[in-house]
N, C-alpha and C. Protein backbone atom coordinates (compact mmCIF):
# COMPACT_ATOMS: atom_id res chain seq x y z
N MET A 1 -11.51 41.01 -53.62
CA MET A 1 -11.05 40.36 -52.41
C MET A 1 -10.68 38.92 -52.73
N SER A 2 -9.62 38.45 -52.10
CA SER A 2 -9.11 37.10 -52.35
C SER A 2 -10.09 36.03 -51.89
N LYS A 3 -10.15 34.96 -52.66
CA LYS A 3 -11.01 33.83 -52.32
C LYS A 3 -10.20 32.67 -51.74
N ILE A 4 -8.94 32.92 -51.44
CA ILE A 4 -8.07 31.85 -50.94
C ILE A 4 -8.41 31.59 -49.47
N VAL A 5 -8.70 30.33 -49.17
CA VAL A 5 -9.07 29.96 -47.81
C VAL A 5 -7.84 29.50 -47.03
N ALA A 6 -7.91 29.64 -45.73
CA ALA A 6 -6.82 29.21 -44.85
C ALA A 6 -6.77 27.69 -44.78
N PRO A 7 -5.61 27.13 -44.45
CA PRO A 7 -5.50 25.68 -44.33
C PRO A 7 -6.38 25.16 -43.19
N THR A 8 -6.87 23.93 -43.39
CA THR A 8 -7.68 23.30 -42.35
C THR A 8 -6.98 22.10 -41.73
N VAL A 9 -5.77 21.80 -42.22
CA VAL A 9 -5.00 20.68 -41.69
C VAL A 9 -3.66 21.18 -41.16
N HIS A 10 -3.03 20.40 -40.32
CA HIS A 10 -1.74 20.75 -39.73
C HIS A 10 -0.63 20.72 -40.77
N ASP A 11 0.48 21.39 -40.45
CA ASP A 11 1.63 21.49 -41.35
C ASP A 11 2.14 20.15 -41.84
N ASP A 12 2.08 19.13 -41.02
CA ASP A 12 2.65 17.83 -41.39
C ASP A 12 1.63 16.86 -41.99
N HIS A 13 0.43 17.33 -42.25
CA HIS A 13 -0.62 16.48 -42.83
C HIS A 13 -0.25 16.12 -44.27
N PRO A 14 -0.40 14.86 -44.68
CA PRO A 14 0.00 14.45 -46.03
C PRO A 14 -0.81 15.11 -47.16
N GLU A 15 -1.99 15.62 -46.86
CA GLU A 15 -2.83 16.25 -47.89
C GLU A 15 -2.68 17.77 -47.93
N ARG A 16 -1.77 18.31 -47.13
CA ARG A 16 -1.66 19.77 -47.03
C ARG A 16 -1.31 20.43 -48.36
N GLN A 17 -0.37 19.89 -49.10
CA GLN A 17 0.01 20.47 -50.38
C GLN A 17 -1.16 20.47 -51.36
N LEU A 18 -1.90 19.37 -51.41
CA LEU A 18 -3.07 19.30 -52.28
C LEU A 18 -4.13 20.31 -51.84
N GLU A 19 -4.30 20.48 -50.54
CA GLU A 19 -5.26 21.46 -50.03
C GLU A 19 -4.85 22.88 -50.44
N CYS A 20 -3.56 23.16 -50.39
CA CYS A 20 -3.07 24.47 -50.83
C CYS A 20 -3.36 24.67 -52.31
N GLN A 21 -3.09 23.66 -53.10
CA GLN A 21 -3.35 23.73 -54.54
C GLN A 21 -4.82 24.03 -54.82
N ARG A 22 -5.69 23.34 -54.12
CA ARG A 22 -7.14 23.58 -54.29
C ARG A 22 -7.51 25.00 -53.86
N ALA A 23 -6.88 25.48 -52.79
CA ALA A 23 -7.21 26.79 -52.25
C ALA A 23 -6.84 27.92 -53.21
N ILE A 24 -5.76 27.76 -53.95
CA ILE A 24 -5.32 28.84 -54.83
C ILE A 24 -5.77 28.66 -56.28
N ASP A 25 -6.43 27.56 -56.59
CA ASP A 25 -6.81 27.26 -57.97
C ASP A 25 -7.70 28.34 -58.59
N CYS A 26 -8.73 28.79 -57.89
CA CYS A 26 -9.64 29.80 -58.46
C CYS A 26 -8.89 31.09 -58.78
N GLU A 27 -8.03 31.52 -57.88
CA GLU A 27 -7.27 32.75 -58.11
C GLU A 27 -6.28 32.55 -59.26
N PHE A 28 -5.71 31.37 -59.36
CA PHE A 28 -4.80 31.05 -60.47
C PHE A 28 -5.55 31.12 -61.80
N GLN A 29 -6.73 30.51 -61.84
CA GLN A 29 -7.54 30.54 -63.06
C GLN A 29 -7.92 31.97 -63.42
N ALA A 30 -8.26 32.77 -62.42
CA ALA A 30 -8.62 34.17 -62.66
C ALA A 30 -7.42 34.94 -63.22
N LEU A 31 -6.26 34.75 -62.62
CA LEU A 31 -5.05 35.44 -63.07
C LEU A 31 -4.70 35.08 -64.51
N THR A 32 -4.71 33.79 -64.82
CA THR A 32 -4.36 33.38 -66.19
C THR A 32 -5.42 33.87 -67.18
N GLY A 33 -6.68 33.88 -66.77
CA GLY A 33 -7.74 34.40 -67.64
C GLY A 33 -7.56 35.88 -67.93
N ILE A 34 -7.22 36.65 -66.91
CA ILE A 34 -6.96 38.08 -67.10
C ILE A 34 -5.81 38.30 -68.07
N ALA A 35 -4.74 37.53 -67.89
CA ALA A 35 -3.57 37.66 -68.77
C ALA A 35 -3.93 37.28 -70.21
N GLU A 36 -4.70 36.23 -70.38
CA GLU A 36 -5.11 35.82 -71.73
C GLU A 36 -5.97 36.90 -72.39
N ARG A 37 -6.91 37.46 -71.64
CA ARG A 37 -7.77 38.51 -72.20
C ARG A 37 -6.98 39.77 -72.53
N ALA A 38 -5.86 39.97 -71.85
CA ALA A 38 -5.01 41.11 -72.13
C ALA A 38 -4.17 40.91 -73.39
N GLY A 39 -4.17 39.66 -73.90
CA GLY A 39 -3.46 39.39 -75.14
C GLY A 39 -2.22 38.52 -75.04
N TRP A 40 -1.92 38.01 -73.84
CA TRP A 40 -0.77 37.13 -73.67
C TRP A 40 -1.15 35.71 -74.05
N SER A 41 -0.23 34.99 -74.67
CA SER A 41 -0.48 33.59 -75.04
C SER A 41 -0.32 32.72 -73.79
N TRP A 42 -0.89 31.52 -73.86
CA TRP A 42 -0.76 30.62 -72.70
C TRP A 42 0.69 30.25 -72.47
N GLN A 43 1.50 30.18 -73.55
CA GLN A 43 2.92 29.86 -73.39
C GLN A 43 3.65 30.99 -72.66
N GLU A 44 3.35 32.23 -73.03
CA GLU A 44 3.98 33.38 -72.37
C GLU A 44 3.58 33.43 -70.90
N ILE A 45 2.31 33.17 -70.63
CA ILE A 45 1.82 33.17 -69.25
C ILE A 45 2.51 32.08 -68.44
N ALA A 46 2.58 30.89 -69.00
CA ALA A 46 3.20 29.76 -68.29
C ALA A 46 4.67 30.05 -67.99
N LEU A 47 5.40 30.57 -68.97
CA LEU A 47 6.82 30.87 -68.74
C LEU A 47 6.99 31.98 -67.70
N ALA A 48 6.14 33.00 -67.77
CA ALA A 48 6.21 34.07 -66.78
C ALA A 48 5.94 33.54 -65.38
N LEU A 49 4.92 32.68 -65.25
CA LEU A 49 4.60 32.11 -63.94
C LEU A 49 5.73 31.22 -63.42
N MET A 50 6.36 30.47 -64.31
CA MET A 50 7.48 29.63 -63.88
C MET A 50 8.64 30.50 -63.40
N ASP A 51 8.93 31.57 -64.14
CA ASP A 51 10.01 32.47 -63.73
C ASP A 51 9.69 33.14 -62.39
N LEU A 52 8.46 33.61 -62.24
CA LEU A 52 8.06 34.23 -60.98
C LEU A 52 8.11 33.24 -59.83
N THR A 53 7.72 32.00 -60.09
CA THR A 53 7.78 30.96 -59.05
C THR A 53 9.22 30.69 -58.64
N GLU A 54 10.11 30.62 -59.62
CA GLU A 54 11.51 30.38 -59.31
C GLU A 54 12.08 31.52 -58.48
N GLU A 55 11.76 32.76 -58.83
CA GLU A 55 12.21 33.91 -58.05
C GLU A 55 11.64 33.86 -56.63
N TYR A 56 10.39 33.48 -56.50
CA TYR A 56 9.75 33.37 -55.19
C TYR A 56 10.46 32.32 -54.33
N VAL A 57 10.74 31.17 -54.92
CA VAL A 57 11.41 30.10 -54.19
C VAL A 57 12.79 30.56 -53.72
N MET A 58 13.55 31.20 -54.60
CA MET A 58 14.88 31.67 -54.21
C MET A 58 14.80 32.68 -53.07
N GLU A 59 13.85 33.61 -53.16
CA GLU A 59 13.69 34.60 -52.11
C GLU A 59 13.29 33.96 -50.78
N MET A 60 12.36 33.02 -50.82
CA MET A 60 11.92 32.35 -49.60
C MET A 60 13.05 31.53 -48.99
N ARG A 61 13.84 30.88 -49.83
CA ARG A 61 14.97 30.10 -49.31
C ARG A 61 15.99 31.00 -48.63
N LEU A 62 16.25 32.16 -49.23
CA LEU A 62 17.18 33.10 -48.60
C LEU A 62 16.65 33.59 -47.26
N ASN A 63 15.35 33.88 -47.21
CA ASN A 63 14.75 34.36 -45.97
C ASN A 63 14.64 33.28 -44.91
N ALA A 64 14.66 32.01 -45.33
CA ALA A 64 14.49 30.90 -44.39
C ALA A 64 15.81 30.25 -44.01
N GLN A 65 16.93 30.89 -44.32
CA GLN A 65 18.21 30.30 -43.96
C GLN A 65 18.26 30.08 -42.46
N PRO A 66 18.50 28.85 -42.04
CA PRO A 66 18.54 28.58 -40.59
C PRO A 66 19.77 29.21 -39.95
N GLU A 67 19.61 29.56 -38.70
CA GLU A 67 20.77 30.06 -37.97
C GLU A 67 21.75 28.92 -37.79
N ARG A 68 23.00 29.24 -37.59
CA ARG A 68 24.04 28.23 -37.44
C ARG A 68 23.65 27.23 -36.37
N GLY A 69 23.66 25.95 -36.72
CA GLY A 69 23.35 24.89 -35.78
C GLY A 69 21.88 24.48 -35.78
N ALA A 70 21.02 25.28 -36.40
CA ALA A 70 19.59 24.94 -36.44
C ALA A 70 19.33 23.98 -37.59
N THR A 71 18.23 23.26 -37.52
CA THR A 71 17.86 22.35 -38.59
C THR A 71 16.56 22.80 -39.22
N LEU A 72 16.37 22.45 -40.47
CA LEU A 72 15.14 22.77 -41.17
C LEU A 72 14.07 21.75 -40.84
N ALA A 73 12.83 22.15 -41.02
CA ALA A 73 11.71 21.22 -40.85
C ALA A 73 11.79 20.15 -41.93
N ARG A 74 11.00 19.11 -41.78
CA ARG A 74 10.98 18.00 -42.74
C ARG A 74 10.87 18.53 -44.16
N PRO A 75 11.89 18.27 -45.02
CA PRO A 75 11.83 18.78 -46.38
C PRO A 75 10.83 18.03 -47.25
N ASP A 76 10.28 18.72 -48.21
CA ASP A 76 9.38 18.10 -49.18
C ASP A 76 10.26 17.29 -50.13
N PRO A 77 9.90 16.05 -50.44
CA PRO A 77 10.75 15.22 -51.30
C PRO A 77 10.84 15.74 -52.74
N ARG A 78 9.93 16.60 -53.13
CA ARG A 78 9.99 17.16 -54.48
C ARG A 78 11.03 18.27 -54.50
N THR A 79 11.62 18.49 -55.64
CA THR A 79 12.63 19.54 -55.78
C THR A 79 11.98 20.79 -56.34
N LEU A 80 12.15 21.89 -55.64
CA LEU A 80 11.68 23.18 -56.15
C LEU A 80 12.87 23.89 -56.76
N HIS A 81 12.75 24.21 -58.04
CA HIS A 81 13.82 24.96 -58.70
C HIS A 81 13.28 25.81 -59.78
């Protein structure tokens, strides 16, 4: 069962991203540990995770395309690519 906890702050809270990072850290460590024990190198794991993240971002952006005339919520100043 997942150990990821729900957010405790509002969407626009400045610490929300850090809270998300903390929430998924244990599962991230577990996933990378499983992959390492299976025989994958940390470099292979890192590259696979980066590729999967990029695919996830592209899919989410496609699904979040605003309807004509609508505006997006406040964008994160960091670039996701």
